[in-house]
């Protein structure tokens, strides 16, 4: 799985929190599932490269930091906490829902491209449709009827000023 790290994380109230806090926080962001993450401090210390008691204590210290109220946090949910412990190894990310809804610019553009292509695919004029409409608007009902009799089969026509 993956998570999105926003640059504001490095410019807010966590400044000076320490490398261990940022390492644990990035792990949390990457490993969470729908705002919930399982963290075993001993396993995480090993994952981050420490195999001694000191590394485990550093992970536990980082987790405590992330669970503390932060009056200077941009988010006031849960008093600015980033994590809330809900079980022995289970934590809830306080602002997961908010940040999950934020699409980065590339995602937003790709989404809009796909939706626009779907819209265009649905709105392509049928064969003879444009010509039949133009004939009717010019009062040539005979031509309109002839074109309609040939059938209005799906066929793509580049839009023109008259059809836009």
Foldseek 3Di string as FASTA:
>chain_A
DAADDDPVVCVFPCPPVDPLLVLLVRVCRGADDPQKHFDDLCVVLVVVPDNDPVSSVSNVVSVVVQQDQDCRAPDCFVNNHQWDDDDPGMIGGRCCVVRVPDDPPVVVVVVVVVVVVVVCVVPFFFVLPVVLVVCVVVVNNVVNVVSVVVPRHHDGDDDDPVRD
